[in-house]
Protein backbone atom coordinates (compact mmCIF):
# COMPACT_ATOMS: atom_id res chain seq x y z
CA UNK A 1 -14.29 22.59 0.61
CA UNK A 2 -13.09 21.16 3.49
CA UNK A 3 -12.40 17.13 2.44
CA UNK A 4 -11.05 16.04 5.48
CA UNK A 5 -14.49 16.24 7.24
CA UNK A 6 -15.18 13.26 5.02
CA UNK A 7 -17.49 12.29 2.53
CA UNK A 8 -21.13 11.09 3.26
CA UNK A 9 -23.37 8.74 1.75
CA UNK A 10 -26.84 10.01 0.32
CA UNK A 11 -29.78 7.97 0.39
CA UNK A 12 -33.18 9.01 -1.15
CA UNK A 13 -36.07 6.32 0.54
CA UNK A 14 -38.58 6.17 -2.40
CA UNK A 15 -41.22 4.87 0.52
CA UNK A 16 -41.22 5.31 4.65
CA UNK A 17 -39.79 2.00 6.05
CA UNK A 18 -42.05 -0.51 7.76
CA UNK A 19 -39.20 -1.42 9.94
CA UNK A 20 -36.65 0.52 12.23
CA UNK A 21 -34.34 2.07 10.25
CA UNK A 22 -30.25 1.27 10.24
CA UNK A 23 -27.40 3.89 10.63
CA UNK A 24 -23.73 2.83 9.09
CA UNK A 25 -20.76 4.78 9.22
CA UNK A 26 -16.56 4.53 8.21
CA UNK A 27 -14.13 5.54 10.62
CA UNK A 28 -10.74 4.38 10.07
CA UNK A 29 -10.81 1.35 7.77
CA UNK A 30 -14.11 -0.26 9.66
CA UNK A 31 -17.58 0.38 9.66
CA UNK A 32 -19.92 1.40 12.44
CA UNK A 33 -23.57 0.46 12.81
CA UNK A 34 -26.34 1.47 14.95
CA UNK A 35 -29.97 1.33 15.22
CA UNK A 36 -32.00 4.55 14.45
CA UNK A 37 -32.59 6.08 17.55
CA UNK A 38 -28.27 5.56 18.01
CA UNK A 39 -29.10 2.94 20.57
CA UNK A 40 -26.62 -0.33 20.01
CA UNK A 41 -23.46 1.57 18.63
CA UNK A 42 -21.25 -1.22 17.11
CA UNK A 43 -18.04 0.85 15.89
CA UNK A 44 -16.60 -2.95 14.18
CA UNK A 45 -20.20 -3.69 12.18
CA UNK A 46 -17.44 -4.47 9.29
CA UNK A 47 -13.84 -4.31 8.77
CA UNK A 48 -12.16 -3.43 5.73
CA UNK A 49 -9.95 -5.76 4.20
CA UNK A 50 -8.96 -4.98 0.59
CA UNK A 51 -8.86 -0.87 0.44
CA UNK A 52 -6.27 0.57 -1.53
CA UNK A 53 -7.06 3.84 0.00
CA UNK A 54 -8.95 6.03 2.81
CA UNK A 55 -12.97 5.19 2.08
CA UNK A 56 -14.63 8.23 0.34
CA UNK A 57 -18.06 6.97 0.54
CA UNK A 58 -20.52 4.72 1.67
CA UNK A 59 -23.93 3.37 0.27
CA UNK A 60 -26.55 1.02 1.02
CA UNK A 61 -30.03 -0.88 -0.66
CA UNK A 62 -32.10 -3.72 1.05
CA UNK A 63 -28.97 -6.14 0.41
CA UNK A 64 -25.77 -5.04 -0.19
CA UNK A 65 -23.51 -2.03 1.36
CA UNK A 66 -21.48 -0.28 -0.90
CA UNK A 67 -17.92 1.53 -0.38
CA UNK A 68 -15.15 3.61 -2.62
CA UNK A 69 -11.56 3.97 -2.14
CA UNK A 70 -9.12 5.77 -4.39
CA UNK A 71 -9.15 3.10 -6.67
CA UNK A 72 -12.45 1.51 -7.01
CA UNK A 73 -15.75 0.37 -5.42
CA UNK A 74 -16.99 -2.25 -3.22
CA UNK A 75 -19.79 -4.01 -2.01
CA UNK A 76 -20.58 -6.46 1.04
CA UNK A 77 -23.54 -8.24 1.10
CA UNK A 78 -25.80 -7.71 4.06
CA UNK A 79 -27.18 -11.04 4.23
CA UNK A 80 -23.98 -13.08 4.30
CA UNK A 81 -21.67 -14.15 3.38
CA UNK A 82 -19.34 -10.84 4.81
CA UNK A 83 -16.82 -11.27 1.48
CA UNK A 84 -16.12 -7.82 0.15
CA UNK A 85 -16.69 -8.14 -3.70
CA UNK A 86 -14.62 -4.91 -5.96
CA UNK A 87 -16.95 -4.25 -8.64
CA UNK A 88 -15.53 -1.47 -9.79
CA UNK A 89 -11.99 -0.85 -10.50
CA UNK A 90 -9.54 1.35 -12.18
CA UNK A 91 -10.94 4.85 -11.01
CA UNK A 92 -8.67 7.82 -9.78
CA UNK A 93 -9.47 9.22 -6.25
CA UNK A 94 -13.23 9.04 -7.13
CA UNK A 95 -16.38 11.29 -5.05
CA UNK A 96 -19.14 10.42 -3.26
CA UNK A 97 -21.41 7.31 -4.78
CA UNK A 98 -25.24 6.56 -4.21
CA UNK A 99 -27.38 3.69 -5.65
CA UNK A 100 -30.64 2.71 -6.85
CA UNK A 101 -33.22 0.07 -7.65
CA UNK A 102 -30.76 -0.81 -10.82
CA UNK A 103 -27.37 1.11 -10.51
CA UNK A 104 -24.35 2.67 -8.32
CA UNK A 105 -23.59 6.30 -9.03
CA UNK A 106 -20.33 7.87 -8.78
CA UNK A 107 -17.90 10.96 -8.94
CA UNK A 108 -14.81 11.04 -10.78
CA UNK A 109 -13.66 14.25 -9.66
CA UNK A 110 -10.53 14.27 -11.87
CA UNK A 111 -12.60 14.25 -14.91
CA UNK A 112 -15.71 16.50 -14.44
CA UNK A 113 -18.18 13.08 -14.72
CA UNK A 114 -20.53 10.54 -13.27
CA UNK A 115 -20.04 7.31 -14.02
CA UNK A 116 -22.43 4.80 -13.64
CA UNK A 117 -22.99 0.45 -13.38
CA UNK A 118 -25.22 -1.93 -12.92
CA UNK A 119 -24.91 -2.86 -8.93
CA UNK A 120 -22.94 -5.83 -9.48
CA UNK A 121 -20.37 -3.84 -11.38
CA UNK A 122 -21.43 -4.50 -14.85
CA UNK A 123 -22.66 -2.10 -17.79
CA UNK A 124 -19.93 0.77 -17.05
CA UNK A 125 -20.37 3.94 -18.27
CA UNK A 126 -17.41 6.21 -17.36
CA UNK A 127 -19.22 9.31 -18.55
CA UNK A 128 -22.15 9.16 -17.84
CA UNK A 129 -22.80 12.43 -17.12
CA UNK A 130 -19.90 14.88 -18.12
CA UNK A 131 -18.66 18.60 -18.63
CA UNK A 132 -19.24 19.06 -14.87
CA UNK A 133 -17.22 21.64 -13.18
CA UNK A 134 -15.58 20.05 -9.77
CA UNK A 135 -18.29 17.82 -8.63
CA UNK A 136 -18.12 16.11 -5.22
CA UNK A 137 -21.13 14.12 -4.41
CA UNK A 138 -24.35 12.39 -6.24
CA UNK A 139 -27.53 11.73 -4.76
CA UNK A 140 -30.29 9.17 -6.72
CA UNK A 141 -34.45 9.44 -6.24
CA UNK A 142 -36.97 7.39 -8.03
CA UNK A 143 -36.59 10.09 -11.27
CA UNK A 144 -33.28 12.49 -11.21
CA UNK A 145 -30.11 12.01 -10.80
CA UNK A 146 -28.38 14.83 -8.65
CA UNK A 147 -24.88 16.17 -8.17
CA UNK A 148 -23.22 19.17 -6.12
CA UNK A 149 -20.26 21.30 -7.65
CA UNK A 150 -19.01 24.96 -5.99
CA UNK A 151 -21.51 26.82 -6.04
CA UNK A 152 -24.82 24.85 -7.64
CA UNK A 153 -26.68 21.93 -7.73
CA UNK A 154 -27.31 19.93 -10.95
CA UNK A 155 -29.67 17.21 -11.84
CA UNK A 156 -30.07 14.63 -14.84
CA UNK A 157 -32.97 12.24 -15.45
CA UNK A 158 -31.85 8.38 -14.76
CA UNK A 159 -31.63 7.52 -18.92
CA UNK A 160 -28.93 10.91 -18.90
CA UNK A 161 -31.08 13.32 -20.66
CA UNK A 162 -33.01 16.83 -19.34
CA UNK A 163 -29.52 17.77 -17.84
CA UNK A 164 -29.77 20.88 -15.60
CA UNK A 165 -26.17 21.73 -14.51
CA UNK A 166 -27.54 24.81 -12.77
CA UNK A 167 -31.14 23.34 -10.86
CA UNK A 168 -29.92 25.14 -7.80
CA UNK A 169 -28.01 27.79 -7.54
CA UNK A 170 -26.42 28.20 -4.09
CA UNK A 171 -23.71 29.28 -1.89
CA UNK A 172 -20.75 27.65 -2.04
CA UNK A 173 -21.34 24.46 -0.78
CA UNK A 174 -19.77 21.40 1.09
CA UNK A 175 -18.87 17.99 -0.45
CA UNK A 176 -22.82 16.91 1.31
CA UNK A 177 -25.91 16.16 -0.55
CA UNK A 178 -29.02 14.32 -0.16
CA UNK A 179 -32.79 14.16 -1.28
CA UNK A 180 -35.84 13.21 -0.21
CA UNK A 181 -39.37 13.26 -1.31
CA UNK A 182 -39.56 16.65 -0.84
CA UNK A 183 -36.05 18.58 -0.82
CA UNK A 184 -32.78 18.73 -1.58
CA UNK A 185 -30.16 19.16 1.35
CA UNK A 186 -26.53 20.15 0.81
CA UNK A 187 -23.82 20.94 3.56
CA UNK A 188 -22.85 24.39 3.81
CA UNK A 189 -19.66 25.75 5.88
CA UNK A 190 -21.50 25.43 9.22
CA UNK A 191 -24.89 24.64 8.07
CA UNK A 192 -27.21 22.51 6.01
CA UNK A 193 -29.36 24.48 3.67
CA UNK A 194 -32.12 22.98 1.50
CA UNK A 195 -34.17 23.77 -1.80
CA UNK A 196 -37.83 22.51 -3.36
CA UNK A 197 -37.08 19.38 -5.38
CA UNK A 198 -39.68 19.64 -7.79
CA UNK A 199 -38.46 23.43 -8.83
CA UNK A 200 -34.87 24.00 -7.28
CA UNK A 201 -36.44 27.14 -5.63
CA UNK A 202 -37.09 28.54 -1.88
CA UNK A 203 -33.60 27.97 -1.47
CA UNK A 204 -32.37 28.49 2.64
CA UNK A 205 -28.91 28.05 2.87
CA UNK A 206 -29.43 28.41 6.64
CA UNK A 207 -31.94 25.63 6.99
CA UNK A 208 -29.98 24.19 9.80
CA UNK A 209 -27.63 26.83 11.41
CA UNK A 210 -25.46 27.18 14.03
CA UNK A 211 -23.25 23.79 13.11
CA UNK A 212 -19.44 22.88 13.49
CA UNK A 213 -17.79 22.04 9.89
CA UNK A 214 -19.88 19.59 8.01
CA UNK A 215 -19.17 16.95 5.87
CA UNK A 216 -21.50 15.22 3.56
CA UNK A 217 -24.95 14.66 4.77
CA UNK A 218 -27.97 11.45 4.20
CA UNK A 219 -31.83 11.50 4.83
CA UNK A 220 -34.26 9.11 5.55
CA UNK A 221 -38.28 9.61 5.65
CA UNK A 222 -37.93 11.70 9.37
CA UNK A 223 -34.58 12.55 9.86
CA UNK A 224 -31.42 14.59 8.28
CA UNK A 225 -27.65 12.87 9.06
CA UNK A 226 -24.69 14.57 9.12
CA UNK A 227 -20.96 14.59 9.75
CA UNK A 228 -19.82 16.96 12.55
CA UNK A 229 -16.33 18.13 12.76
CA UNK A 230 -15.49 20.65 15.82
CA UNK A 231 -13.45 23.47 15.00
CA UNK A 232 -9.58 22.44 15.52
CA UNK A 233 -10.46 18.74 15.84
CA UNK A 234 -9.94 16.01 13.55
CA UNK A 235 -12.12 13.50 14.53
CA UNK A 236 -16.02 13.38 13.68
CA UNK A 237 -19.58 12.98 15.42
CA UNK A 238 -22.53 11.86 13.58
CA UNK A 239 -25.49 14.63 14.26
CA UNK A 240 -28.96 14.56 13.56
CA UNK A 241 -31.70 16.40 13.31
CA UNK A 242 -35.75 16.41 12.49
CA UNK A 243 -36.08 17.10 8.79
CA UNK A 244 -38.00 20.47 9.84
CA UNK A 245 -35.26 21.54 11.01
CA UNK A 246 -35.62 20.80 15.08
CA UNK A 247 -33.98 18.45 17.62
CA UNK A 248 -30.42 18.78 16.51
CA UNK A 249 -28.19 16.75 18.09
CA UNK A 250 -24.62 17.83 16.51
CA UNK A 251 -22.99 14.74 18.88
CA UNK A 252 -25.44 12.55 18.42
CA UNK A 253 -23.40 9.11 17.35
CA UNK A 254 -20.00 9.87 19.13
CA UNK A 255 -17.19 8.09 16.80
CA UNK A 256 -14.55 5.40 18.62
CA UNK A 257 -11.70 6.80 16.56
CA UNK A 258 -10.29 9.88 14.27
CA UNK A 259 -10.56 10.01 10.42
CA UNK A 260 -14.75 9.54 10.49
CA UNK A 261 -15.70 10.13 7.06
CA UNK A 262 -19.04 8.74 5.70
CA UNK A 263 -22.28 7.92 6.90
CA UNK A 264 -25.33 5.96 5.48
CA UNK A 265 -29.30 5.00 6.21
CA UNK A 266 -31.65 2.80 4.94
CA UNK A 267 -34.81 0.63 5.49
CA UNK A 268 -33.67 -2.44 7.94
CA UNK A 269 -33.44 -3.34 11.20
CA UNK A 270 -29.72 -2.92 12.79
CA UNK A 271 -28.24 -6.27 11.87
CA UNK A 272 -25.78 -7.88 13.83
CA UNK A 273 -21.80 -7.59 12.80
CA UNK A 274 -20.47 -9.18 10.10
CA UNK A 275 -17.90 -11.24 11.66
CA UNK A 276 -14.92 -11.72 9.69
CA UNK A 277 -11.17 -14.41 10.09
CA UNK A 278 -9.19 -11.86 12.59
CA UNK A 279 -6.56 -10.39 10.13
CA UNK A 280 -3.02 -12.14 10.54
CA UNK A 281 -0.55 -11.49 13.07
CA UNK A 282 2.95 -10.86 13.66
CA UNK A 283 5.30 -13.43 15.88
CA UNK A 284 8.93 -11.60 16.86
CA UNK A 285 11.85 -11.94 18.76
CA UNK A 286 11.25 -15.12 21.47
CA UNK A 287 13.92 -13.87 24.90
CA UNK A 288 14.31 -17.12 26.94
CA UNK A 289 15.41 -17.29 30.35
CA UNK A 290 17.96 -20.01 30.96
CA UNK A 291 17.42 -19.87 34.70
CA UNK A 292 13.75 -21.26 34.95
CA UNK A 293 13.16 -22.54 31.23
CA UNK A 294 10.87 -20.09 30.36
CA UNK A 295 10.03 -17.66 27.17
CA UNK A 296 9.48 -14.40 26.01
CA UNK A 297 7.94 -14.59 22.95
CA UNK A 298 7.03 -10.15 21.53
CA UNK A 299 3.60 -10.15 19.57
CA UNK A 300 2.40 -7.31 17.26
CA UNK A 301 -1.33 -7.70 16.71
CA UNK A 302 -3.55 -5.36 14.10
CA UNK A 303 -6.30 -4.47 16.51
CA UNK A 304 -7.49 -5.17 20.66
CA UNK A 305 -8.71 -8.72 21.11
CA UNK A 306 -7.60 -12.15 22.87
CA UNK A 307 -4.59 -14.59 22.18
CA UNK A 308 -4.75 -17.86 23.24
CA UNK A 309 -2.51 -20.58 23.82
CA UNK A 310 -2.58 -24.10 23.49
CA UNK A 311 0.12 -26.98 23.73
CA UNK A 312 0.32 -30.25 26.03
CA UNK A 313 2.11 -28.92 29.32
CA UNK A 314 2.78 -25.13 28.77
CA UNK A 315 1.35 -22.50 31.15
CA UNK A 316 1.35 -18.81 29.67
CA UNK A 317 0.41 -15.35 30.26
CA UNK A 318 -0.37 -12.64 27.56
CA UNK A 319 1.08 -9.08 29.01
CA UNK A 320 -0.43 -6.30 26.84
CA UNK A 321 0.76 -3.45 28.75
CA UNK A 322 -1.12 -0.20 29.76
CA UNK A 323 -4.40 0.39 28.04
CA UNK A 324 -3.85 2.45 25.56
CA UNK A 325 -6.64 5.43 24.49
CA UNK A 326 -9.70 4.38 22.73
CA UNK A 327 -8.77 6.22 19.75
CA UNK A 328 -5.79 3.73 19.12
CA UNK A 329 -5.71 1.73 16.08
CA UNK A 330 -2.86 -0.17 14.07
CA UNK A 331 -0.21 -1.93 15.73
CA UNK A 332 -0.80 -3.49 19.38
CA UNK A 333 2.81 -5.03 21.09
CA UNK A 334 1.95 -7.84 23.42
CA UNK A 335 3.93 -10.19 25.52
CA UNK A 336 3.27 -13.78 25.61
CA UNK A 337 5.28 -15.40 28.47
CA UNK A 338 5.75 -19.25 28.32
CA UNK A 339 6.92 -21.78 31.19
CA UNK A 340 6.55 -25.46 32.03
CA UNK A 341 3.11 -26.07 33.74
CA UNK A 342 2.36 -28.69 36.38
CA UNK A 343 0.97 -31.14 34.52
CA UNK A 344 2.07 -34.56 33.72
CA UNK A 345 3.51 -33.47 30.52
CA UNK A 346 4.86 -29.97 32.47
CA UNK A 347 6.96 -32.45 34.51
CA UNK A 348 8.20 -34.11 31.65
CA UNK A 349 9.36 -31.15 29.69
CA UNK A 350 10.68 -29.66 33.37
CA UNK A 351 12.50 -33.37 33.47
CA UNK A 352 14.05 -32.74 29.69
CA UNK A 353 15.33 -29.49 30.22
CA UNK A 354 17.27 -30.28 33.75
CA UNK A 355 18.65 -33.50 31.58
CA UNK A 356 18.90 -32.18 28.14
CA UNK A 357 19.06 -28.01 28.59
CA UNK A 358 16.29 -27.92 25.83
CA UNK A 359 12.82 -28.83 25.29
CA UNK A 360 11.08 -28.26 21.58
CA UNK A 361 7.51 -27.59 21.73
CA UNK A 362 4.33 -27.17 18.75
CA UNK A 363 2.35 -24.96 19.85
CA UNK A 364 -1.35 -23.36 18.60
CA UNK A 365 -1.29 -19.91 19.10
CA UNK A 366 -4.94 -18.44 18.45
CA UNK A 367 -5.91 -14.86 18.05
CA UNK A 368 -9.65 -13.37 18.08
CA UNK A 369 -9.68 -9.47 16.74
CA UNK A 370 -12.90 -7.68 18.41
CA UNK A 371 -15.74 -8.28 16.70
CA UNK A 372 -13.96 -10.92 14.43
CA UNK A 373 -13.65 -14.88 13.51
CA UNK A 374 -10.42 -16.16 15.37
CA UNK A 375 -7.33 -17.26 13.55
CA UNK A 376 -5.09 -19.77 14.70
CA UNK A 377 -1.48 -20.44 13.59
CA UNK A 378 1.55 -22.90 14.67
CA UNK A 379 4.65 -22.00 16.10
CA UNK A 380 7.40 -24.73 17.07
CA UNK A 381 10.10 -23.58 19.53
CA UNK A 382 12.55 -24.25 21.72
CA UNK A 383 12.80 -23.82 26.17
CA UNK A 384 16.63 -23.79 27.09
CA UNK A 385 17.92 -23.86 30.91
CA UNK A 386 21.15 -24.55 32.49
CA UNK A 387 21.67 -28.38 32.37
CA UNK A 388 22.02 -29.54 35.87
């Protein structure tokens, strides 16, 4: 089972949405969003701030977005404010998650169980369904909770009774499971299978074949979505097909970075980005030129963006170096050059440098991460120059 493909959230819609739906996906610590037709993709819809490990799955309701990481489950209000809250803590490498109108469900891989809690994390039950063999993903509709193991799909009523561990007996399945009003869908090695929702019969392991490595899957009233990883590659695209198996597109949305792990779909119009304050940046070594009184500050920022300097009498320029490839993420090293400007205050700085050899400054550095709110810090430093 190829876990590096990632896990995709399973969303079952009870009624067809009246408004266009939004598609969400996780990639390398950010959350992307796009319209239902794949237009206006925004790979930085939300930046995760407090994760203790890679995101393992994502799910969405009409009001909140949920995701899990190595040790817990988080959510954020889609209407704002964009402040993530951990609702379930103390987990040990959970698997997939699913949500309905009352509960959030998650897979406890090591314990072989499925946990659940109220949508705010209260009334937690870590072993709501127990005694399972290697569960990897969950899905839910208005009557049943479903889960996938290595070679079968089980189900139980929403109150935990009526457990059927082999509701659908499949060929070895991947980490994907989704349900609509007619069928259960699961991910195979290079295919998506399906069976009737009513009785688990009519098993078709190659309902959609000819795919690359398939992660878990999501479904709405008209389409299936999956994370598609080409052979030998470490990146994924989002695939889409109609629920009748037609119009297959393995690269419906190409993700911007490596390690895309999950996708979810809901019935909301595609919302605008949820801006958060930019992450902190590091101010490093300062190099001085004693010839002209200029200085170069080495700055490390966590992501692409812009830097603005404010301070009386100072001119400045940011050298970001060559543009790195689009999949690059992490630390970026910039050089900020400062020198006395040509304003009245700049002339005062030049005079002080000539007479004293040193001029102390207090500057404000404002870094704005792409798609986020600006972060301003204060920096005190001195320009130095040989006295004349």
